[in-house]
N, C-alpha and C. Protein backbone atom coordinates (compact mmCIF):
# COMPACT_ATOMS: atom_id res chain seq x y z
N MET A 1 -30.14 1.80 -17.73
CA MET A 1 -29.94 1.69 -16.63
C MET A 1 -29.10 1.14 -16.34
N THR A 2 -27.58 1.98 -15.71
CA THR A 2 -25.84 1.40 -15.72
C THR A 2 -26.09 0.44 -14.74
N ALA A 3 -25.50 -0.45 -14.50
CA ALA A 3 -25.38 -1.70 -13.51
C ALA A 3 -24.42 -0.91 -12.02
N PRO A 4 -25.47 -0.99 -10.89
CA PRO A 4 -24.14 -0.08 -9.45
C PRO A 4 -23.36 -0.58 -9.35
N ILE A 5 -21.91 -0.27 -9.32
CA ILE A 5 -20.59 -1.02 -8.96
C ILE A 5 -20.48 -0.89 -7.11
N ILE A 6 -20.73 -2.26 -6.66
CA ILE A 6 -20.50 -2.63 -5.43
C ILE A 6 -19.47 -3.46 -5.30
N LEU A 7 -18.98 -2.40 -4.01
CA LEU A 7 -17.60 -3.51 -3.65
C LEU A 7 -18.05 -4.11 -2.38
N VAL A 8 -17.74 -5.64 -1.70
CA VAL A 8 -18.01 -6.24 -1.16
C VAL A 8 -16.77 -6.76 -0.21
N ALA A 9 -16.26 -6.27 0.88
CA ALA A 9 -15.48 -5.88 1.76
C ALA A 9 -15.53 -7.36 3.23
N ASP A 10 -14.91 -8.92 2.49
CA ASP A 10 -15.27 -9.21 3.77
C ASP A 10 -14.25 -10.81 3.35
N ASP A 11 -13.68 -10.98 4.89
CA ASP A 11 -12.78 -12.27 4.28
C ASP A 11 -13.10 -13.64 4.13
N HIS A 12 -14.22 -13.66 4.45
CA HIS A 12 -14.71 -15.03 4.08
C HIS A 12 -15.08 -15.56 2.76
N PRO A 13 -14.47 -16.02 1.89
CA PRO A 13 -14.89 -16.26 0.77
C PRO A 13 -16.56 -16.78 0.31
N LEU A 14 -16.74 -17.58 1.58
CA LEU A 14 -18.60 -18.30 1.25
C LEU A 14 -19.36 -17.06 1.40
N PHE A 15 -19.20 -16.59 2.05
CA PHE A 15 -19.75 -15.39 2.81
C PHE A 15 -19.87 -13.86 1.50
N ARG A 16 -18.99 -13.98 0.91
CA ARG A 16 -18.94 -13.06 -0.30
C ARG A 16 -19.45 -13.73 -1.28
N ALA A 17 -19.26 -15.16 -1.54
CA ALA A 17 -20.56 -15.68 -2.47
C ALA A 17 -21.51 -15.60 -2.04
N ALA A 18 -22.16 -15.36 -0.84
CA ALA A 18 -23.45 -15.88 -0.46
C ALA A 18 -24.18 -14.11 -0.68
N VAL A 19 -23.20 -13.08 -0.48
CA VAL A 19 -23.52 -11.89 -0.76
C VAL A 19 -24.07 -11.40 -1.82
N LEU A 20 -22.86 -11.83 -2.65
CA LEU A 20 -23.04 -11.73 -4.18
C LEU A 20 -24.50 -12.58 -4.90
N HIS A 21 -24.92 -14.01 -4.27
CA HIS A 21 -26.16 -14.22 -4.89
C HIS A 21 -27.33 -13.48 -4.66
N ALA A 22 -26.76 -12.62 -3.16
CA ALA A 22 -28.13 -11.94 -3.05
C ALA A 22 -28.51 -10.49 -3.73
N LEU A 23 -26.97 -9.85 -4.36
CA LEU A 23 -27.15 -9.26 -4.94
C LEU A 23 -27.40 -9.01 -6.06
N ARG A 24 -27.49 -10.43 -6.78
CA ARG A 24 -27.82 -10.36 -8.06
C ARG A 24 -29.18 -10.81 -8.12
N ASN A 25 -30.20 -11.55 -6.93
CA ASN A 25 -31.08 -11.49 -6.57
C ASN A 25 -32.21 -10.15 -6.29
N ALA A 26 -31.21 -9.34 -6.32
CA ALA A 26 -32.34 -8.25 -5.42
C ALA A 26 -32.30 -7.33 -7.13
N LEU A 27 -30.69 -6.97 -7.94
CA LEU A 27 -30.74 -6.15 -8.90
C LEU A 27 -30.89 -6.73 -9.30
N GLN A 28 -31.36 -6.17 -10.80
CA GLN A 28 -31.65 -6.89 -12.35
C GLN A 28 -29.96 -6.72 -12.84
N GLN A 29 -29.33 -5.81 -12.29
CA GLN A 29 -28.07 -6.01 -12.76
C GLN A 29 -26.96 -5.43 -11.87
N VAL A 30 -26.06 -5.95 -11.77
CA VAL A 30 -24.66 -4.96 -10.92
C VAL A 30 -23.52 -5.98 -10.79
N THR A 31 -22.46 -4.99 -10.99
CA THR A 31 -21.05 -5.30 -11.10
C THR A 31 -20.65 -5.42 -9.76
N VAL A 32 -20.21 -6.75 -9.41
CA VAL A 32 -19.66 -6.89 -7.88
C VAL A 32 -17.90 -7.10 -7.99
N LEU A 33 -17.41 -6.05 -6.89
CA LEU A 33 -15.79 -5.84 -6.52
C LEU A 33 -15.42 -6.49 -5.14
N GLU A 34 -14.58 -7.25 -4.95
CA GLU A 34 -14.35 -7.89 -3.78
C GLU A 34 -12.88 -7.59 -3.06
N ALA A 35 -13.02 -7.66 -2.03
CA ALA A 35 -11.99 -7.04 -0.99
C ALA A 35 -12.06 -8.31 -0.13
N SER A 36 -10.57 -8.62 0.38
CA SER A 36 -10.70 -9.25 1.53
C SER A 36 -9.81 -9.26 2.69
N SER A 37 -9.30 -7.80 2.80
CA SER A 37 -8.62 -7.52 4.04
C SER A 37 -8.64 -6.12 3.87
N ALA A 38 -8.32 -5.17 4.76
CA ALA A 38 -8.15 -4.00 4.90
C ALA A 38 -7.11 -3.10 4.06
N ALA A 39 -6.60 -4.06 3.90
CA ALA A 39 -5.44 -3.65 3.06
C ALA A 39 -6.02 -3.84 1.20
N THR A 40 -6.46 -4.77 0.91
CA THR A 40 -7.09 -5.04 -0.77
C THR A 40 -8.18 -4.03 -0.40
N LEU A 41 -8.50 -3.45 0.05
CA LEU A 41 -9.81 -2.59 0.39
C LEU A 41 -9.46 -1.05 -0.18
N SER A 42 -8.56 -0.71 0.50
CA SER A 42 -7.82 0.06 -0.21
C SER A 42 -6.89 0.65 -1.82
N GLU A 43 -6.74 -0.79 -2.00
CA GLU A 43 -6.37 -1.17 -3.18
C GLU A 43 -7.33 -1.27 -4.41
N VAL A 44 -8.08 -1.92 -3.91
CA VAL A 44 -9.32 -1.75 -5.00
C VAL A 44 -10.07 -0.47 -5.24
N LEU A 45 -10.07 0.25 -4.07
CA LEU A 45 -10.80 1.49 -4.05
C LEU A 45 -10.35 1.93 -5.04
N ALA A 46 -9.07 2.45 -4.71
CA ALA A 46 -7.59 3.46 -5.62
C ALA A 46 -7.81 2.93 -6.96
N MET A 47 -8.13 1.46 -7.66
CA MET A 47 -8.25 0.98 -9.03
C MET A 47 -9.43 1.29 -9.44
N HIS A 48 -11.15 1.39 -8.24
CA HIS A 48 -12.03 1.23 -9.26
C HIS A 48 -12.69 2.91 -8.36
N PRO A 49 -12.52 3.69 -8.79
CA PRO A 49 -13.10 4.79 -7.64
C PRO A 49 -14.43 5.30 -8.50
N GLU A 50 -14.97 4.43 -9.17
CA GLU A 50 -16.15 4.64 -9.92
C GLU A 50 -16.90 3.66 -9.01
N THR A 51 -16.61 2.94 -7.82
CA THR A 51 -17.50 2.57 -6.69
C THR A 51 -18.57 3.08 -6.16
N GLU A 52 -19.55 2.47 -6.14
CA GLU A 52 -20.66 3.64 -5.87
C GLU A 52 -21.50 2.88 -4.15
N LEU A 53 -21.15 1.84 -3.77
CA LEU A 53 -21.32 1.06 -2.40
C LEU A 53 -20.44 0.23 -1.92
N ILE A 54 -20.34 0.39 -0.80
CA ILE A 54 -19.10 -0.97 -0.04
C ILE A 54 -20.24 -1.57 0.99
N LEU A 55 -19.94 -2.60 0.61
CA LEU A 55 -20.60 -3.48 2.09
C LEU A 55 -19.25 -4.20 2.78
N LEU A 56 -19.15 -3.86 4.15
CA LEU A 56 -18.14 -3.89 4.78
C LEU A 56 -18.19 -4.81 6.05
N ASP A 57 -17.53 -5.49 5.99
CA ASP A 57 -17.28 -6.25 7.34
C ASP A 57 -16.55 -5.77 8.41
N LEU A 58 -16.60 -5.32 9.32
CA LEU A 58 -15.56 -4.60 10.62
C LEU A 58 -14.58 -5.17 11.21
N ALA A 59 -14.56 -6.57 10.86
CA ALA A 59 -13.13 -7.73 11.13
C ALA A 59 -12.37 -8.49 10.26
N MET A 60 -11.95 -7.72 9.38
CA MET A 60 -11.13 -7.97 8.10
C MET A 60 -9.96 -8.05 8.98
N PRO A 61 -8.78 -8.96 8.67
CA PRO A 61 -7.94 -8.77 8.58
C PRO A 61 -6.81 -7.28 8.35
N GLY A 62 -6.27 -6.79 9.22
CA GLY A 62 -5.95 -5.24 9.12
C GLY A 62 -6.43 -4.03 9.80
N ALA A 63 -8.25 -4.59 10.08
CA ALA A 63 -8.88 -3.62 10.96
C ALA A 63 -8.47 -3.88 12.43
N ARG A 64 -8.72 -2.54 12.46
CA ARG A 64 -9.19 -2.14 14.18
C ARG A 64 -10.65 -1.84 14.80
N GLY A 65 -11.68 -2.64 14.25
CA GLY A 65 -12.91 -2.30 14.69
C GLY A 65 -13.59 -1.52 14.30
N PHE A 66 -13.48 -0.25 14.27
CA PHE A 66 -14.50 0.76 13.29
C PHE A 66 -13.53 1.05 12.55
N SER A 67 -12.38 1.07 12.20
CA SER A 67 -10.94 1.32 11.50
C SER A 67 -11.44 1.71 9.92
N SER A 68 -11.75 0.55 9.56
CA SER A 68 -12.09 0.74 8.06
C SER A 68 -13.16 1.31 7.52
N LEU A 69 -14.30 1.61 8.17
CA LEU A 69 -15.13 2.03 7.90
C LEU A 69 -14.40 3.70 8.06
N LEU A 70 -13.76 4.13 9.42
CA LEU A 70 -13.45 5.57 8.99
C LEU A 70 -12.62 5.71 7.94
N TYR A 71 -11.78 5.31 7.97
CA TYR A 71 -11.04 5.28 6.61
C TYR A 71 -11.48 5.10 5.11
N VAL A 72 -12.72 4.77 5.15
CA VAL A 72 -13.35 4.81 3.74
C VAL A 72 -14.12 5.79 4.06
N ARG A 73 -14.60 6.43 4.82
CA ARG A 73 -15.30 7.78 5.49
C ARG A 73 -14.02 9.16 5.09
N VAL A 74 -13.04 8.40 5.26
CA VAL A 74 -11.95 9.47 5.19
C VAL A 74 -11.51 9.57 3.53
N GLU A 75 -11.04 8.39 2.97
CA GLU A 75 -10.90 8.53 2.11
C GLU A 75 -12.19 8.97 0.44
N ARG A 76 -13.10 8.19 0.85
CA ARG A 76 -14.33 8.50 -0.15
C ARG A 76 -15.27 8.51 0.45
N PRO A 77 -15.34 10.01 1.03
CA PRO A 77 -16.59 9.99 1.51
C PRO A 77 -18.13 10.42 0.90
N ASP A 78 -17.86 10.47 -0.79
CA ASP A 78 -19.10 10.29 -1.20
C ASP A 78 -19.54 9.10 -1.51
N ILE A 79 -18.88 7.63 -1.03
CA ILE A 79 -19.04 6.66 -1.10
C ILE A 79 -19.80 6.02 0.09
N PRO A 80 -21.34 5.66 0.28
CA PRO A 80 -22.07 4.90 1.49
C PRO A 80 -21.58 3.66 1.83
N VAL A 81 -21.62 3.29 2.91
CA VAL A 81 -21.39 2.60 3.59
C VAL A 81 -22.07 1.23 4.48
N LEU A 82 -22.08 0.42 4.01
CA LEU A 82 -23.25 -0.72 4.56
C LEU A 82 -22.52 -1.44 5.40
N VAL A 83 -22.36 -1.41 6.80
CA VAL A 83 -21.45 -2.58 7.38
C VAL A 83 -22.52 -3.97 7.41
N ILE A 84 -21.60 -4.88 7.15
CA ILE A 84 -22.33 -6.26 7.54
C ILE A 84 -21.33 -7.12 8.88
N SER A 85 -21.88 -7.31 9.89
CA SER A 85 -20.95 -7.81 10.95
C SER A 85 -22.13 -9.08 11.42
N SER A 86 -21.33 -9.88 12.04
CA SER A 86 -22.13 -11.01 13.44
C SER A 86 -22.10 -10.15 14.15
N ASN A 87 -21.33 -9.07 14.63
CA ASN A 87 -21.61 -8.43 16.19
C ASN A 87 -22.45 -7.25 15.92
N ASP A 88 -23.99 -7.87 16.50
CA ASP A 88 -24.82 -6.91 16.08
C ASP A 88 -25.37 -6.08 17.68
N GLN A 89 -24.37 -6.13 18.71
CA GLN A 89 -24.82 -5.77 19.33
C GLN A 89 -25.31 -4.22 18.65
N PRO A 90 -26.64 -3.49 19.97
CA PRO A 90 -27.15 -2.25 19.68
C PRO A 90 -26.38 -1.53 19.68
N ARG A 91 -25.39 -1.53 20.96
CA ARG A 91 -24.08 -0.32 21.15
C ARG A 91 -22.75 -0.26 19.63
N VAL A 92 -22.77 -1.77 19.32
CA VAL A 92 -22.00 -1.71 17.97
C VAL A 92 -22.54 -1.31 16.81
N ILE A 93 -23.90 -1.26 16.56
CA ILE A 93 -24.84 -0.55 15.44
C ILE A 93 -24.85 1.07 15.30
N ARG A 94 -25.29 1.19 16.92
CA ARG A 94 -25.41 2.98 17.23
C ARG A 94 -23.52 3.61 16.65
N ARG A 95 -22.57 2.73 17.17
CA ARG A 95 -21.61 3.25 16.85
C ARG A 95 -20.91 3.44 15.21
N ALA A 96 -21.78 2.32 14.51
CA ALA A 96 -21.31 2.01 13.12
C ALA A 96 -22.02 3.54 12.83
N GLN A 97 -22.96 3.81 13.35
CA GLN A 97 -24.02 4.92 12.64
C GLN A 97 -23.12 6.06 12.98
N GLN A 98 -22.79 6.26 14.01
CA GLN A 98 -22.53 7.76 14.28
C GLN A 98 -21.22 7.94 13.77
N PHE A 99 -20.13 6.82 13.15
CA PHE A 99 -19.00 6.74 12.52
C PHE A 99 -18.96 7.36 10.76
N GLY A 100 -20.46 7.12 10.81
CA GLY A 100 -20.47 7.33 8.53
C GLY A 100 -21.39 6.08 8.34
N ALA A 101 -21.79 5.07 8.90
CA ALA A 101 -22.28 4.41 7.76
C ALA A 101 -23.53 4.29 7.68
N ALA A 102 -24.10 4.54 6.28
CA ALA A 102 -25.30 4.33 6.09
C ALA A 102 -26.45 3.40 6.34
N GLY A 103 -26.19 2.28 6.63
CA GLY A 103 -26.42 1.20 6.96
C GLY A 103 -25.77 0.28 7.90
N PHE A 104 -26.48 -0.87 8.82
CA PHE A 104 -26.00 -2.00 9.04
C PHE A 104 -26.93 -3.17 8.82
N ILE A 105 -26.05 -4.52 8.02
CA ILE A 105 -27.13 -5.43 8.36
C ILE A 105 -26.17 -6.71 9.12
N PRO A 106 -27.19 -7.26 10.29
CA PRO A 106 -26.52 -8.61 10.94
C PRO A 106 -26.29 -9.04 9.79
N LYS A 107 -24.82 -10.18 9.91
CA LYS A 107 -24.95 -11.63 9.22
C LYS A 107 -26.13 -12.48 9.05
N SER A 108 -26.74 -12.62 10.21
CA SER A 108 -27.88 -13.71 10.99
C SER A 108 -28.98 -13.24 10.09
N SER A 109 -29.17 -12.00 9.23
CA SER A 109 -30.25 -11.36 8.80
C SER A 109 -30.33 -12.27 6.88
N PRO A 110 -31.60 -12.50 6.31
CA PRO A 110 -31.63 -13.13 5.26
C PRO A 110 -31.26 -12.59 4.31
N ALA A 111 -31.06 -12.94 3.28
CA ALA A 111 -30.91 -12.44 2.20
C ALA A 111 -31.51 -11.23 1.58
N GLU A 112 -33.09 -11.25 1.82
CA GLU A 112 -33.89 -10.86 1.38
C GLU A 112 -33.47 -9.07 2.06
N ALA A 113 -33.12 -9.35 3.55
CA ALA A 113 -33.03 -8.13 3.77
C ALA A 113 -31.62 -7.36 3.07
N ILE A 114 -30.73 -7.87 3.03
CA ILE A 114 -29.22 -7.34 1.87
C ILE A 114 -30.07 -6.80 0.71
N GLY A 115 -30.69 -7.49 0.20
CA GLY A 115 -31.36 -6.75 -0.92
C GLY A 115 -32.02 -5.60 -0.69
N GLU A 116 -33.17 -5.01 0.38
CA GLU A 116 -33.52 -4.01 0.78
C GLU A 116 -32.82 -3.39 1.12
N ALA A 117 -31.62 -3.80 2.14
CA ALA A 117 -30.65 -2.75 2.51
C ALA A 117 -29.93 -2.01 1.22
N VAL A 118 -29.73 -2.73 0.28
CA VAL A 118 -28.60 -2.07 -0.42
C VAL A 118 -29.13 -1.28 -1.49
N ALA A 119 -31.01 -1.78 -1.74
CA ALA A 119 -31.61 -0.63 -2.46
C ALA A 119 -31.74 0.49 -1.87
N ALA A 120 -32.27 0.49 -0.53
CA ALA A 120 -32.52 1.67 0.36
C ALA A 120 -31.26 2.84 0.09
N VAL A 121 -30.26 2.58 0.69
CA VAL A 121 -28.61 3.05 0.52
C VAL A 121 -28.60 3.67 -0.82
N LEU A 122 -28.71 2.56 -1.79
CA LEU A 122 -28.67 3.03 -3.39
C LEU A 122 -29.42 4.10 -3.91
N ASP A 123 -30.67 4.20 -3.19
CA ASP A 123 -31.52 5.14 -3.20
C ASP A 123 -30.98 6.48 -2.78
N GLY A 124 -30.18 6.64 -2.11
CA GLY A 124 -29.49 7.95 -0.92
C GLY A 124 -30.58 7.60 0.47
N GLY A 125 -31.13 6.51 1.01
CA GLY A 125 -31.67 6.43 2.30
C GLY A 125 -30.45 5.80 3.12
N THR A 126 -30.92 5.22 4.33
CA THR A 126 -30.27 4.53 5.22
C THR A 126 -30.86 3.40 5.58
N TRP A 127 -30.49 2.13 6.05
CA TRP A 127 -30.97 1.24 6.64
C TRP A 127 -30.55 0.38 7.70
N PHE A 128 -31.15 0.86 8.66
CA PHE A 128 -30.89 -0.05 10.44
C PHE A 128 -31.85 -0.36 10.83
N PRO A 129 -31.35 -1.59 11.49
CA PRO A 129 -32.41 -2.31 12.43
C PRO A 129 -32.54 -1.34 13.51
N ALA A 130 -33.55 -1.85 14.55
CA ALA A 130 -34.04 -0.64 15.44
C ALA A 130 -32.96 -0.34 16.49
N LEU A 131 -32.66 0.70 16.92
CA LEU A 131 -31.70 0.66 17.83
C LEU A 131 -32.24 1.03 19.11
N THR A 132 -31.78 0.42 20.47
CA THR A 132 -32.03 0.48 21.62
C THR A 132 -30.59 1.73 22.23
N ALA A 133 -29.73 1.45 22.04
CA ALA A 133 -28.92 2.02 22.54
C ALA A 133 -28.37 3.48 22.18
N GLU A 134 -28.39 4.48 23.22
CA GLU A 134 -28.49 6.08 22.70
C GLU A 134 -26.78 6.22 22.24
N ARG A 135 -27.02 7.79 21.38
CA ARG A 135 -25.52 8.09 21.05
C ARG A 135 -24.90 8.71 22.04
N SER A 136 -23.37 8.76 21.59
CA SER A 136 -22.64 8.72 22.67
C SER A 136 -21.97 9.71 22.30
N LYS A 137 -21.42 10.64 23.36
CA LYS A 137 -21.30 12.66 23.14
C LYS A 137 -19.46 12.09 23.00
N GLU A 138 -18.95 10.80 22.85
CA GLU A 138 -17.82 10.52 22.87
C GLU A 138 -17.25 10.48 21.88
N ASP A 139 -18.30 9.39 21.47
CA ASP A 139 -18.27 9.20 19.75
C ASP A 139 -18.13 10.10 18.64
N ALA A 140 -19.10 10.58 18.82
CA ALA A 140 -19.27 11.99 17.98
C ALA A 140 -18.43 12.77 18.13
N ILE A 141 -17.68 13.07 19.07
CA ILE A 141 -16.21 14.11 19.49
C ILE A 141 -14.89 13.71 18.63
N LEU A 142 -15.14 12.03 18.96
CA LEU A 142 -13.99 11.51 18.42
C LEU A 142 -14.13 11.33 16.72
N ALA A 143 -15.32 10.72 16.10
CA ALA A 143 -15.42 11.22 15.24
C ALA A 143 -15.68 12.12 13.99
N ALA A 144 -15.47 13.23 15.28
CA ALA A 144 -15.69 14.95 14.11
C ALA A 144 -13.92 14.64 14.44
N ARG A 145 -13.17 14.72 14.98
CA ARG A 145 -11.73 14.40 15.23
C ARG A 145 -11.16 13.73 14.26
N LEU A 146 -11.26 12.40 13.89
CA LEU A 146 -10.86 12.12 12.75
C LEU A 146 -11.27 12.62 11.43
N ALA A 147 -12.51 12.94 11.20
CA ALA A 147 -12.96 13.30 9.99
C ALA A 147 -12.38 14.53 9.60
N GLN A 148 -11.39 14.80 10.07
CA GLN A 148 -10.16 15.95 10.03
C GLN A 148 -8.87 16.00 9.39
N LEU A 149 -8.67 14.46 9.71
CA LEU A 149 -7.47 13.52 8.45
C LEU A 149 -7.80 13.80 7.41
N THR A 150 -6.52 13.56 6.59
CA THR A 150 -6.27 13.13 5.35
C THR A 150 -6.06 11.42 5.28
N ALA A 151 -6.53 10.69 4.18
CA ALA A 151 -6.25 9.23 4.26
C ALA A 151 -5.14 9.16 4.48
N GLN A 152 -3.91 9.75 3.92
CA GLN A 152 -2.35 9.64 4.42
C GLN A 152 -2.28 9.39 5.88
N GLN A 153 -2.61 10.61 6.45
CA GLN A 153 -2.49 10.70 7.93
C GLN A 153 -3.10 9.53 8.99
N PHE A 154 -4.23 9.04 7.93
CA PHE A 154 -5.03 7.99 8.62
C PHE A 154 -4.23 6.90 9.26
N ARG A 155 -3.53 6.84 8.07
CA ARG A 155 -2.91 5.46 7.80
C ARG A 155 -1.55 5.50 8.65
N VAL A 156 -1.13 6.80 8.72
CA VAL A 156 0.53 6.81 9.69
C VAL A 156 -0.10 7.05 11.26
N LEU A 157 -1.66 7.58 11.35
CA LEU A 157 -2.15 7.25 12.86
C LEU A 157 -2.37 5.40 13.16
N LEU A 158 -2.92 5.06 12.38
CA LEU A 158 -3.03 3.15 12.22
C LEU A 158 -1.59 2.31 12.63
N CYS A 159 -0.23 3.24 12.23
CA CYS A 159 0.93 2.48 12.16
C CYS A 159 1.66 3.24 13.64
N LEU A 160 1.08 4.47 14.14
CA LEU A 160 1.44 4.99 15.79
C LEU A 160 0.46 4.18 16.33
N THR A 161 -0.59 3.54 16.02
CA THR A 161 -1.35 2.84 17.27
C THR A 161 -0.65 1.59 17.39
N ASP A 162 -0.02 0.61 16.11
CA ASP A 162 1.12 -0.29 16.44
C ASP A 162 2.28 -0.25 16.70
N GLY A 163 2.67 1.16 17.29
CA GLY A 163 3.83 1.28 18.04
C GLY A 163 4.86 1.63 17.18
N LEU A 164 4.57 1.60 15.95
CA LEU A 164 5.97 1.60 14.96
C LEU A 164 6.68 3.21 14.93
N LEU A 165 8.04 3.28 15.00
CA LEU A 165 8.45 4.39 14.92
C LEU A 165 8.52 5.20 13.64
N ASN A 166 8.93 6.35 13.04
CA ASN A 166 8.92 7.23 12.34
C ASN A 166 9.67 6.28 11.28
N LYS A 167 10.64 5.98 11.72
CA LYS A 167 11.48 5.20 10.27
C LYS A 167 10.75 4.22 10.51
N GLN A 168 10.36 3.40 10.74
CA GLN A 168 9.20 2.35 9.99
C GLN A 168 8.20 2.68 9.49
N ILE A 169 7.49 3.84 10.21
CA ILE A 169 6.45 3.87 9.21
C ILE A 169 6.57 4.87 8.16
N ALA A 170 7.74 5.14 7.93
CA ALA A 170 8.25 5.47 6.29
C ALA A 170 8.58 4.36 5.54
N TYR A 171 8.96 3.33 6.14
CA TYR A 171 9.25 2.37 4.98
C TYR A 171 7.83 1.48 5.00
N GLU A 172 7.04 1.68 5.85
CA GLU A 172 5.75 0.55 5.71
C GLU A 172 4.82 1.58 4.22
N LEU A 173 5.08 2.97 4.53
CA LEU A 173 3.70 3.28 3.93
C LEU A 173 4.80 4.12 2.58
N GLY A 174 6.14 4.04 2.31
CA GLY A 174 6.78 4.22 1.41
C GLY A 174 7.18 6.01 1.53
N LEU A 175 7.11 6.47 2.50
CA LEU A 175 7.25 8.32 2.96
C LEU A 175 8.91 8.09 3.32
N ALA A 176 8.65 9.52 2.97
CA ALA A 176 10.24 9.80 3.63
C ALA A 176 9.84 10.33 4.99
N GLU A 177 10.98 9.98 5.68
CA GLU A 177 10.78 10.35 7.79
C GLU A 177 10.45 11.91 7.91
N ASN A 178 10.86 12.79 7.33
CA ASN A 178 10.44 13.65 7.60
C ASN A 178 8.85 14.16 7.08
N THR A 179 8.59 13.49 6.05
CA THR A 179 6.97 13.24 5.68
C THR A 179 5.75 13.03 6.95
N VAL A 180 6.65 11.91 7.48
CA VAL A 180 5.76 11.27 8.49
C VAL A 180 5.54 12.00 9.78
N LYS A 181 7.18 12.62 9.84
CA LYS A 181 7.05 14.18 11.06
C LYS A 181 6.32 14.98 11.06
N VAL A 182 6.18 15.31 9.81
CA VAL A 182 4.88 16.45 9.33
C VAL A 182 3.04 15.67 9.30
N HIS A 183 3.38 14.43 9.07
CA HIS A 183 1.90 13.76 9.32
C HIS A 183 1.55 13.83 10.99
N VAL A 184 2.52 13.62 11.65
CA VAL A 184 2.76 12.97 12.79
C VAL A 184 2.30 14.25 13.91
N THR A 185 2.68 15.48 13.31
CA THR A 185 2.26 16.60 13.98
C THR A 185 0.99 17.17 13.46
N ALA A 186 0.86 17.00 12.53
CA ALA A 186 -0.39 17.13 11.98
C ALA A 186 -1.46 16.62 12.65
N ILE A 187 -1.43 15.00 12.88
CA ILE A 187 -2.54 14.08 13.63
C ILE A 187 -2.71 14.95 15.07
N LEU A 188 -1.44 14.89 15.91
CA LEU A 188 -1.67 14.86 16.95
C LEU A 188 -2.13 16.94 17.49
N LYS A 189 -2.25 17.63 16.23
CA LYS A 189 -3.05 18.87 16.46
C LYS A 189 -4.12 18.82 16.42
N LYS A 190 -4.70 17.84 14.87
CA LYS A 190 -6.25 17.76 14.94
C LYS A 190 -7.08 17.09 15.67
N LEU A 191 -6.13 16.12 16.44
CA LEU A 191 -6.87 14.92 17.19
C LEU A 191 -7.15 15.62 18.42
N GLU A 192 -6.30 17.09 19.05
CA GLU A 192 -6.02 17.39 20.47
C GLU A 192 -5.54 16.10 20.68
N CYS A 193 -4.29 15.78 20.32
CA CYS A 193 -3.30 14.95 21.72
C CYS A 193 -2.33 15.30 21.91
N HIS A 194 -1.50 15.04 23.10
CA HIS A 194 -0.47 15.85 23.54
C HIS A 194 0.95 14.49 23.37
N SER A 195 0.77 13.35 22.70
CA SER A 195 1.47 12.23 22.75
C SER A 195 0.95 11.62 21.66
N ARG A 196 2.01 10.89 21.16
CA ARG A 196 1.84 9.68 20.40
C ARG A 196 0.67 8.47 21.07
N THR A 197 1.45 7.93 22.24
CA THR A 197 0.78 7.13 23.16
C THR A 197 -1.09 7.72 23.14
N GLN A 198 -1.32 8.73 23.35
CA GLN A 198 -2.22 9.43 23.65
C GLN A 198 -3.32 9.19 22.37
N ALA A 199 -2.63 9.62 21.57
CA ALA A 199 -3.52 9.42 19.90
C ALA A 199 -3.93 7.91 19.81
N ALA A 200 -3.06 6.72 20.04
CA ALA A 200 -2.77 5.53 19.88
C ALA A 200 -4.02 4.82 21.12
N VAL A 201 -4.97 5.76 21.76
CA VAL A 201 -5.79 5.50 23.20
C VAL A 201 -6.76 5.43 22.16
N LEU A 202 -6.72 6.87 21.58
CA LEU A 202 -7.66 6.66 20.90
C LEU A 202 -8.52 6.09 20.05
N VAL A 203 -7.48 5.51 19.12
CA VAL A 203 -7.53 4.84 18.38
C VAL A 203 -7.76 2.95 19.03
N ARG A 204 -7.34 2.75 19.70
CA ARG A 204 -7.87 1.72 20.30
C ARG A 204 -9.54 1.93 21.05
N ALA A 205 -10.13 2.69 21.24
CA ALA A 205 -11.37 3.23 21.46
C ALA A 205 -12.17 2.53 20.28
N LEU A 206 -11.81 2.33 19.36
CA LEU A 206 -12.75 1.96 18.63
C LEU A 206 -12.41 0.63 18.34
N GLU A 207 -12.17 -0.33 19.18
CA GLU A 207 -11.80 -1.96 19.51
C GLU A 207 -12.87 -1.72 20.17
N SER A 208 -13.06 -1.16 21.31
CA SER A 208 -13.78 -1.40 22.79
C SER A 208 -15.21 -1.88 22.41
N GLU A 209 -15.85 -2.03 23.38
CA GLU A 209 -17.42 -2.24 23.64
C GLU A 209 -17.71 -3.36 22.67
N GLY A 210 -17.05 -4.54 22.97
CA GLY A 210 -17.39 -5.92 22.06
C GLY A 210 -17.20 -6.19 20.75
N MET A 211 -16.12 -5.10 20.41
CA MET A 211 -15.63 -4.90 19.19
C MET A 211 -14.75 -6.37 18.81
N PRO A 212 -14.83 -6.78 17.70
CA PRO A 212 -13.49 -8.27 17.81
C PRO A 212 -12.20 -7.49 17.32
């Protein structure tokens, strides 16, 4: 049996080390990759397309609430994501589930729970704490609209949310300005928004309700 390749994305080195220790205790063999920000998460995924599972902190630098989770679901829908967060409010857990996570591990959980969750998800299952928050129709609609975006369109959308102009987005992402215009038009259509401001408001909804 080959060693599973797991990407641990968290900005705290000590926590990444603790997760690595838990993974090695839970699995006979494992290859662990690391990322410390939303940008390095994207880079590591590009360099290692063979990644089989991502353990994702929601509050990394460069992330907007659930934006990193949604980015991964758009970029690599074949890779399951286990969210690891210190914010374990029922509403946050439910939103992570609705936005495509395969599981949720509160950072307060014992190391054994990480092993159990990873084993369950690698086996094709899910792993969530008991939920009390109801599913949100608004989140379901938002998730469905965002799922229509390509990975590049999602990057452009995040730049829009930061208030960047097309010229600035082109520079930031290494694109032609006309290409950015085409992406913006497609984004607004897919999200059913009439303006850049309306699209930005949708993305900011990813940060609401107790998100860091």
